[in-house]
């Protein structure tokens, strides 16, 4: 799943996957919910399970956003207690 998350990160934000590392092999979040129908994409309403991972970088910039999938992307400062 981590590999799929990295591919999605790259595809949907334009970030070079060679410039990021996962913060953990475990998901940062798991979310389950109902998604409304999207007639423009010919999708009925359905349930979806999202599994998200956190990545870190020293150099990557958010590239071209895939607007059909992502409403925005940005890097946030994340300080892990006792991590360094």
PDB file of N, CA and C in Angstrom:
ATOM      1  N   UNK A   1       0.818  -1.188   0.000  1.00  0.00           N
ATOM      2  CA  UNK A   1       0.000   0.000   0.000  1.00  0.00           C
ATOM      3  C   UNK A   1       0.867   1.259   0.000  1.00  0.00           C
ATOM      4  N   UNK A   2       2.008   1.201   0.642  1.00  0.00           N
ATOM      5  CA  UNK A   2       2.887   2.362   0.690  1.00  0.00           C
ATOM      6  C   UNK A   2       3.348   2.747  -0.718  1.00  0.00           C
ATOM      7  N   UNK A   3       3.654   1.762  -1.535  1.00  0.00           N
ATOM      8  CA  UNK A   3       4.062   2.029  -2.917  1.00  0.00           C
ATOM      9  C   UNK A   3       2.955   2.695  -3.707  1.00  0.00           C
ATOM     10  N   UNK A   4       1.725   2.248  -3.500  1.00  0.00           N
ATOM     11  CA  UNK A   4       0.580   2.865  -4.176  1.00  0.00           C
ATOM     12  C   UNK A   4       0.391   4.309  -3.713  1.00  0.00           C
ATOM     13  N   UNK A   5       0.590   4.560  -2.427  1.00  0.00           N
ATOM     14  CA  UNK A   5       0.478   5.922  -1.904  1.00  0.00           C
ATOM     15  C   UNK A   5       1.524   6.836  -2.529  1.00  0.00           C
ATOM     16  N   UNK A   6       2.732   6.343  -2.709  1.00  0.00           N
ATOM     17  CA  UNK A   6       3.789   7.138  -3.325  1.00  0.00           C
ATOM     18  C   UNK A   6       3.463   7.435  -4.791  1.00  0.00           C
ATOM     19  N   UNK A   7       2.938   6.452  -5.505  1.00  0.00           N
ATOM     20  CA  UNK A   7       2.530   6.677  -6.904  1.00  0.00           C
ATOM     21  C   UNK A   7       1.429   7.728  -6.976  1.00  0.00           C
ATOM     22  N   UNK A   8       0.433   7.624  -6.092  1.00  0.00           N
ATOM     23  CA  UNK A   8      -0.660   8.598  -6.073  1.00  0.00           C
ATOM     24  C   UNK A   8      -0.137   9.992  -5.747  1.00  0.00           C
ATOM     25  N   UNK A   9       0.763  10.089  -4.774  1.00  0.00           N
ATOM     26  CA  UNK A   9       1.355  11.377  -4.428  1.00  0.00           C
ATOM     27  C   UNK A   9       1.988  12.013  -5.663  1.00  0.00           C
ATOM     28  N   UNK A  10       2.756  11.252  -6.385  1.00  0.00           N
ATOM     29  CA  UNK A  10       3.434  11.758  -7.567  1.00  0.00           C
ATOM     30  C   UNK A  10       2.449  12.117  -8.679  1.00  0.00           C
ATOM     31  N   UNK A  11       1.498  11.222  -8.955  1.00  0.00           N
ATOM     32  CA  UNK A  11       0.531  11.454 -10.035  1.00  0.00           C
ATOM     33  C   UNK A  11      -0.368  12.655  -9.763  1.00  0.00           C
ATOM     34  N   UNK A  12      -0.790  12.821  -8.524  1.00  0.00           N
ATOM     35  CA  UNK A  12      -1.793  13.839  -8.222  1.00  0.00           C
ATOM     36  C   UNK A  12      -1.205  15.191  -7.845  1.00  0.00           C
ATOM     37  N   UNK A  13       0.094  15.253  -7.528  1.00  0.00           N
ATOM     38  CA  UNK A  13       0.689  16.527  -7.138  1.00  0.00           C
ATOM     39  C   UNK A  13       1.896  16.916  -7.986  1.00  0.00           C
ATOM     40  N   UNK A  14       2.411  16.008  -8.786  1.00  0.00           N
ATOM     41  CA  UNK A  14       3.580  16.307  -9.587  1.00  0.00           C
ATOM     42  C   UNK A  14       4.885  16.245  -8.816  1.00  0.00           C
ATOM     43  N   UNK A  15       4.844  15.804  -7.576  1.00  0.00           N
ATOM     44  CA  UNK A  15       6.058  15.726  -6.757  1.00  0.00           C
ATOM     45  C   UNK A  15       6.917  14.556  -7.230  1.00  0.00           C
ATOM     46  N   UNK A  16       8.204  14.797  -7.375  1.00  0.00           N
ATOM     47  CA  UNK A  16       9.148  13.763  -7.784  1.00  0.00           C
ATOM     48  C   UNK A  16       9.243  12.719  -6.669  1.00  0.00           C
ATOM     49  N   UNK A  17       8.860  11.469  -6.931  1.00  0.00           N
ATOM     50  CA  UNK A  17       8.881  10.446  -5.878  1.00  0.00           C
ATOM     51  C   UNK A  17      10.277  10.135  -5.354  1.00  0.00           C
ATOM     52  N   UNK A  18      11.314  10.498  -6.093  1.00  0.00           N
ATOM     53  CA  UNK A  18      12.680  10.270  -5.635  1.00  0.00           C
ATOM     54  C   UNK A  18      13.086  11.252  -4.536  1.00  0.00           C
ATOM     55  N   UNK A  19      12.287  12.305  -4.329  1.00  0.00           N
ATOM     56  CA  UNK A  19      12.646  13.354  -3.370  1.00  0.00           C
ATOM     57  C   UNK A  19      11.888  13.262  -2.051  1.00  0.00           C
ATOM     58  N   UNK A  20      11.103  12.203  -1.867  1.00  0.00           N
ATOM     59  CA  UNK A  20      10.350  12.058  -0.622  1.00  0.00           C
ATOM     60  C   UNK A  20      10.637  10.713   0.019  1.00  0.00           C
ATOM     61  N   UNK A  21      10.446  10.658   1.321  1.00  0.00           N
ATOM     62  CA  UNK A  21      10.572   9.400   2.065  1.00  0.00           C
ATOM     63  C   UNK A  21       9.360   9.273   2.983  1.00  0.00           C
ATOM     64  N   UNK A  22       8.867   8.055   3.189  1.00  0.00           N
ATOM     65  CA  UNK A  22       7.747   7.884   4.116  1.00  0.00           C
ATOM     66  C   UNK A  22       8.209   8.106   5.554  1.00  0.00           C
ATOM     67  N   UNK A  23       7.345   8.718   6.357  1.00  0.00           N
ATOM     68  CA  UNK A  23       7.665   8.906   7.771  1.00  0.00           C
ATOM     69  C   UNK A  23       7.455   7.624   8.562  1.00  0.00           C
ATOM     70  N   UNK A  24       6.658   6.723   8.013  1.00  0.00           N
ATOM     71  CA  UNK A  24       6.391   5.449   8.674  1.00  0.00           C
ATOM     72  C   UNK A  24       5.855   4.473   7.641  1.00  0.00           C
ATOM     73  N   UNK A  25       6.042   3.187   7.902  1.00  0.00           N
ATOM     74  CA  UNK A  25       5.438   2.172   7.043  1.00  0.00           C
ATOM     75  C   UNK A  25       3.956   1.993   7.379  1.00  0.00           C
ATOM     76  N   UNK A  26       3.544   2.567   8.502  1.00  0.00           N
ATOM     77  CA  UNK A  26       2.141   2.504   8.912  1.00  0.00           C
ATOM     78  C   UNK A  26       1.387   3.720   8.400  1.00  0.00           C
ATOM     79  N   UNK A  27       0.107   3.561   8.080  1.00  0.00           N
ATOM     80  CA  UNK A  27      -0.689   4.699   7.616  1.00  0.00           C
ATOM     81  C   UNK A  27      -0.772   5.812   8.660  1.00  0.00           C
ATOM     82  N   UNK A  28      -0.823   7.045   8.180  1.00  0.00           N
ATOM     83  CA  UNK A  28      -1.013   8.206   9.049  1.00  0.00           C
ATOM     84  C   UNK A  28      -2.485   8.349   9.414  1.00  0.00           C
ATOM     85  N   UNK A  29      -3.363   7.880   8.526  1.00  0.00           N
ATOM     86  CA  UNK A  29      -4.794   7.901   8.825  1.00  0.00           C
ATOM     87  C   UNK A  29      -5.526   6.855   7.997  1.00  0.00           C
ATOM     88  N   UNK A  30      -6.684   6.457   8.483  1.00  0.00           N
ATOM     89  CA  UNK A  30      -7.612   5.571   7.768  1.00  0.00           C
ATOM     90  C   UNK A  30      -8.983   6.206   7.902  1.00  0.00           C
ATOM     91  N   UNK A  31      -9.654   6.359   6.777  1.00  0.00           N
ATOM     92  CA  UNK A  31     -10.956   7.039   6.778  1.00  0.00           C
ATOM     93  C   UNK A  31     -11.931   6.250   5.913  1.00  0.00           C
ATOM     94  N   UNK A  32     -13.134   6.057   6.421  1.00  0.00           N
ATOM     95  CA  UNK A  32     -14.179   5.353   5.683  1.00  0.00           C
ATOM     96  C   UNK A  32     -15.386   6.265   5.606  1.00  0.00           C
ATOM     97  N   UNK A  33     -15.957   6.391   4.424  1.00  0.00           N
ATOM     98  CA  UNK A  33     -17.129   7.246   4.320  1.00  0.00           C
ATOM     99  C   UNK A  33     -17.848   7.096   2.992  1.00  0.00           C
ATOM    100  N   UNK A  34     -19.012   7.712   2.939  1.00  0.00           N
ATOM    101  CA  UNK A  34     -19.825   7.688   1.732  1.00  0.00           C
ATOM    102  C   UNK A  34     -19.406   8.828   0.814  1.00  0.00           C
ATOM    103  N   UNK A  35     -19.305   8.509  -0.459  1.00  0.00           N
ATOM    104  CA  UNK A  35     -18.933   9.492  -1.475  1.00  0.00           C
ATOM    105  C   UNK A  35     -20.156   9.715  -2.357  1.00  0.00           C
ATOM    106  N   UNK A  36     -20.564  10.973  -2.535  1.00  0.00           N
ATOM    107  CA  UNK A  36     -21.732  11.220  -3.379  1.00  0.00           C
ATOM    108  C   UNK A  36     -21.448  10.900  -4.843  1.00  0.00           C
ATOM    109  N   UNK A  37     -22.497  10.692  -5.592  1.00  0.00           N
ATOM    110  CA  UNK A  37     -22.369  10.408  -7.021  1.00  0.00           C
ATOM    111  C   UNK A  37     -21.673  11.566  -7.732  1.00  0.00           C
ATOM    112  N   UNK A  38     -20.892  11.201  -8.748  1.00  0.00           N
ATOM    113  CA  UNK A  38     -20.246  12.213  -9.592  1.00  0.00           C
ATOM    114  C   UNK A  38     -20.631  11.906 -11.039  1.00  0.00           C
ATOM    115  N   UNK A  39     -21.765  12.467 -11.477  1.00  0.00           N
ATOM    116  CA  UNK A  39     -22.242  12.175 -12.837  1.00  0.00           C
ATOM    117  C   UNK A  39     -21.217  12.505 -13.924  1.00  0.00           C
ATOM    118  N   UNK A  40     -20.413  13.548 -13.716  1.00  0.00           N
ATOM    119  CA  UNK A  40     -19.413  13.930 -14.723  1.00  0.00           C
ATOM    120  C   UNK A  40     -18.386  12.822 -14.950  1.00  0.00           C
ATOM    121  N   UNK A  41     -18.177  12.003 -13.929  1.00  0.00           N
ATOM    122  CA  UNK A  41     -17.232  10.882 -14.051  1.00  0.00           C
ATOM    123  C   UNK A  41     -17.972   9.549 -14.170  1.00  0.00           C
ATOM    124  N   UNK A  42     -19.303   9.632 -14.315  1.00  0.00           N
ATOM    125  CA  UNK A  42     -20.152   8.441 -14.427  1.00  0.00           C
ATOM    126  C   UNK A  42     -19.985   7.506 -13.229  1.00  0.00           C
ATOM    127  N   UNK A  43     -19.877   8.100 -12.026  1.00  0.00           N
ATOM    128  CA  UNK A  43     -19.730   7.323 -10.801  1.00  0.00           C
ATOM    129  C   UNK A  43     -20.988   7.436  -9.954  1.00  0.00           C
ATOM    130  N   UNK A  44     -21.564   6.309  -9.542  1.00  0.00           N
ATOM    131  CA  UNK A  44     -22.704   6.369  -8.613  1.00  0.00           C
ATOM    132  C   UNK A  44     -22.211   6.691  -7.197  1.00  0.00           C
ATOM    133  N   UNK A  45     -23.136   6.981  -6.292  1.00  0.00           N
ATOM    134  CA  UNK A  45     -22.702   7.156  -4.906  1.00  0.00           C
ATOM    135  C   UNK A  45     -22.168   5.812  -4.413  1.00  0.00           C
ATOM    136  N   UNK A  46     -21.188   5.866  -3.529  1.00  0.00           N
ATOM    137  CA  UNK A  46     -20.538   4.643  -3.074  1.00  0.00           C
ATOM    138  C   UNK A  46     -19.795   4.925  -1.769  1.00  0.00           C
ATOM    139  N   UNK A  47     -19.295   3.865  -1.178  1.00  0.00           N
ATOM    140  CA  UNK A  47     -18.474   3.996   0.024  1.00  0.00           C
ATOM    141  C   UNK A  47     -17.012   3.840  -0.374  1.00  0.00           C
ATOM    142  N   UNK A  48     -16.153   4.515   0.371  1.00  0.00           N
ATOM    143  CA  UNK A  48     -14.733   4.507   0.038  1.00  0.00           C
ATOM    144  C   UNK A  48     -13.897   4.399   1.306  1.00  0.00           C
ATOM    145  N   UNK A  49     -12.833   3.643   1.212  1.00  0.00           N
ATOM    146  CA  UNK A  49     -11.864   3.514   2.293  1.00  0.00           C
ATOM    147  C   UNK A  49     -10.595   4.223   1.842  1.00  0.00           C
ATOM    148  N   UNK A  50     -10.215   5.288   2.540  1.00  0.00           N
ATOM    149  CA  UNK A  50      -8.985   6.020   2.249  1.00  0.00           C
ATOM    150  C   UNK A  50      -7.937   5.650   3.289  1.00  0.00           C
ATOM    151  N   UNK A  51      -6.754   5.334   2.809  1.00  0.00           N
ATOM    152  CA  UNK A  51      -5.628   5.032   3.682  1.00  0.00           C
ATOM    153  C   UNK A  51      -4.518   5.995   3.280  1.00  0.00           C
ATOM    154  N   UNK A  52      -4.112   6.857   4.201  1.00  0.00           N
ATOM    155  CA  UNK A  52      -3.138   7.893   3.878  1.00  0.00           C
ATOM    156  C   UNK A  52      -1.827   7.714   4.612  1.00  0.00           C
ATOM    157  N   UNK A  53      -0.751   8.097   3.954  1.00  0.00           N
ATOM    158  CA  UNK A  53       0.592   8.018   4.513  1.00  0.00           C
ATOM    159  C   UNK A  53       1.193   9.418   4.575  1.00  0.00           C
ATOM    160  N   UNK A  54       2.119   9.623   5.477  1.00  0.00           N
ATOM    161  CA  UNK A  54       2.830  10.893   5.599  1.00  0.00           C
ATOM    162  C   UNK A  54       4.222  10.734   4.995  1.00  0.00           C
ATOM    163  N   UNK A  55       4.620  11.720   4.214  1.00  0.00           N
ATOM    164  CA  UNK A  55       5.937  11.713   3.578  1.00  0.00           C
ATOM    165  C   UNK A  55       6.702  12.963   3.999  1.00  0.00           C
ATOM    166  N   UNK A  56       8.014  12.870   3.958  1.00  0.00           N
ATOM    167  CA  UNK A  56       8.880  14.010   4.278  1.00  0.00           C
ATOM    168  C   UNK A  56       9.831  14.252   3.112  1.00  0.00           C
ATOM    169  N   UNK A  57      10.308  15.489   3.036  1.00  0.00           N
ATOM    170  CA  UNK A  57      11.268  15.845   2.002  1.00  0.00           C
ATOM    171  C   UNK A  57      12.125  17.006   2.477  1.00  0.00           C
ATOM    172  N   UNK A  58      13.286  17.130   1.891  1.00  0.00           N
ATOM    173  CA  UNK A  58      14.133  18.292   2.152  1.00  0.00           C
ATOM    174  C   UNK A  58      14.136  19.214   0.940  1.00  0.00           C
ATOM    175  N   UNK A  59      13.631  18.719  -0.218  1.00  0.00           N
ATOM    176  CA  UNK A  59      13.806  19.501  -1.434  1.00  0.00           C
ATOM    177  C   UNK A  59      12.615  19.541  -2.389  1.00  0.00           C
ATOM    178  N   UNK A  60      11.657  18.678  -2.267  1.00  0.00           N
ATOM    179  CA  UNK A  60      10.585  18.604  -3.269  1.00  0.00           C
ATOM    180  C   UNK A  60       9.635  19.786  -3.185  1.00  0.00           C
ATOM    181  N   UNK A  61       9.142  20.187  -4.335  1.00  0.00           N
ATOM    182  CA  UNK A  61       8.131  21.233  -4.428  1.00  0.00           C
ATOM    183  C   UNK A  61       6.856  20.611  -4.975  1.00  0.00           C
ATOM    184  N   UNK A  62       5.717  21.158  -4.557  1.00  0.00           N
ATOM    185  CA  UNK A  62       4.457  20.705  -5.125  1.00  0.00           C
ATOM    186  C   UNK A  62       4.463  21.131  -6.586  1.00  0.00           C
ATOM    187  N   UNK A  63       4.202  20.198  -7.465  1.00  0.00           N
ATOM    188  CA  UNK A  63       4.235  20.475  -8.900  1.00  0.00           C
ATOM    189  C   UNK A  63       2.854  20.780  -9.447  1.00  0.00           C
ATOM    190  N   UNK A  64       2.522  20.160 -10.541  1.00  0.00           N
ATOM    191  CA  UNK A  64       1.238  20.390 -11.197  1.00  0.00           C
ATOM    192  C   UNK A  64       0.170  19.531 -10.528  1.00  0.00           C
ATOM    193  N   UNK A  65      -0.847  20.182  -9.973  1.00  0.00           N
ATOM    194  CA  UNK A  65      -1.928  19.485  -9.270  1.00  0.00           C
ATOM    195  C   UNK A  65      -2.885  18.861 -10.279  1.00  0.00           C
ATOM    196  N   UNK A  66      -3.272  17.623 -10.047  1.00  0.00           N
ATOM    197  CA  UNK A  66      -4.292  16.961 -10.851  1.00  0.00           C
ATOM    198  C   UNK A  66      -5.644  17.390 -10.271  1.00  0.00           C
ATOM    199  N   UNK A  67      -6.197  18.460 -10.802  1.00  0.00           N
ATOM    200  CA  UNK A  67      -7.360  19.104 -10.208  1.00  0.00           C
ATOM    201  C   UNK A  67      -8.602  18.230 -10.141  1.00  0.00           C
ATOM    202  N   UNK A  68      -8.689  17.194 -10.965  1.00  0.00           N
ATOM    203  CA  UNK A  68      -9.847  16.300 -10.898  1.00  0.00           C
ATOM    204  C   UNK A  68      -9.802  15.404  -9.658  1.00  0.00           C
ATOM    205  N   UNK A  69      -8.623  15.299  -9.033  1.00  0.00           N
ATOM    206  CA  UNK A  69      -8.461  14.427  -7.873  1.00  0.00           C
ATOM    207  C   UNK A  69      -8.081  15.177  -6.592  1.00  0.00           C
ATOM    208  N   UNK A  70      -7.435  16.339  -6.730  1.00  0.00           N
ATOM    209  CA  UNK A  70      -6.870  17.043  -5.584  1.00  0.00           C
ATOM    210  C   UNK A  70      -7.344  18.492  -5.595  1.00  0.00           C
ATOM    211  N   UNK A  71      -7.803  18.975  -4.454  1.00  0.00           N
ATOM    212  CA  UNK A  71      -8.233  20.370  -4.374  1.00  0.00           C
ATOM    213  C   UNK A  71      -7.099  21.289  -3.939  1.00  0.00           C
ATOM    214  N   UNK A  72      -6.010  20.735  -3.445  1.00  0.00           N
ATOM    215  CA  UNK A  72      -4.859  21.532  -3.044  1.00  0.00           C
ATOM    216  C   UNK A  72      -3.814  20.650  -2.411  1.00  0.00           C
ATOM    217  N   UNK A  73      -2.579  21.135  -2.428  1.00  0.00           N
ATOM    218  CA  UNK A  73      -1.488  20.395  -1.800  1.00  0.00           C
ATOM    219  C   UNK A  73      -0.451  21.395  -1.317  1.00  0.00           C
ATOM    220  N   UNK A  74       0.146  21.094  -0.188  1.00  0.00           N
ATOM    221  CA  UNK A  74       1.181  21.955   0.372  1.00  0.00           C
ATOM    222  C   UNK A  74       1.992  21.149   1.372  1.00  0.00           C
ATOM    223  N   UNK A  75       3.201  21.589   1.618  1.00  0.00           N
ATOM    224  CA  UNK A  75       4.022  20.979   2.647  1.00  0.00           C
ATOM    225  C   UNK A  75       3.726  21.663   3.970  1.00  0.00           C
ATOM    226  N   UNK A  76       3.701  20.892   5.022  1.00  0.00           N
ATOM    227  CA  UNK A  76       3.495  21.426   6.368  1.00  0.00           C
ATOM    228  C   UNK A  76       4.680  21.018   7.232  1.00  0.00           C
ATOM    229  N   UNK A  77       5.016  21.874   8.152  1.00  0.00           N
ATOM    230  CA  UNK A  77       6.079  21.539   9.102  1.00  0.00           C
ATOM    231  C   UNK A  77       5.504  20.531  10.092  1.00  0.00           C
ATOM    232  N   UNK A  78       6.173  19.409  10.248  1.00  0.00           N
ATOM    233  CA  UNK A  78       5.700  18.358  11.130  1.00  0.00           C
ATOM    234  C   UNK A  78       6.850  18.008  12.053  1.00  0.00           C
ATOM    235  N   UNK A  79       6.692  18.290  13.313  1.00  0.00           N
ATOM    236  CA  UNK A  79       7.746  18.013  14.286  1.00  0.00           C
ATOM    237  C   UNK A  79       7.326  16.826  15.135  1.00  0.00           C
ATOM    238  N   UNK A  80       8.118  15.770  15.087  1.00  0.00           N
ATOM    239  CA  UNK A  80       7.853  14.569  15.864  1.00  0.00           C
ATOM    240  C   UNK A  80       8.611  14.691  17.173  1.00  0.00           C
ATOM    241  N   UNK A  81       7.943  14.583  18.287  1.00  0.00           N
ATOM    242  CA  UNK A  81       8.656  14.632  19.574  1.00  0.00           C
ATOM    243  C   UNK A  81       9.715  13.547  19.653  1.00  0.00           C
ATOM    244  N   UNK A  82      10.902  13.929  20.079  1.00  0.00           N
ATOM    245  CA  UNK A  82      12.023  13.005  20.258  1.00  0.00           C
ATOM    246  C   UNK A  82      12.422  12.239  18.998  1.00  0.00           C
ATOM    247  N   UNK A  83      12.064  12.771  17.813  1.00  0.00           N
ATOM    248  CA  UNK A  83      12.378  12.061  16.571  1.00  0.00           C
ATOM    249  C   UNK A  83      13.819  12.278  16.127  1.00  0.00           C
ATOM    250  N   UNK A  84      14.410  13.359  16.544  1.00  0.00           N
ATOM    251  CA  UNK A  84      15.761  13.653  16.064  1.00  0.00           C
ATOM    252  C   UNK A  84      16.680  13.588  17.213  1.00  0.00           C
TER     253      UNK A  84
END
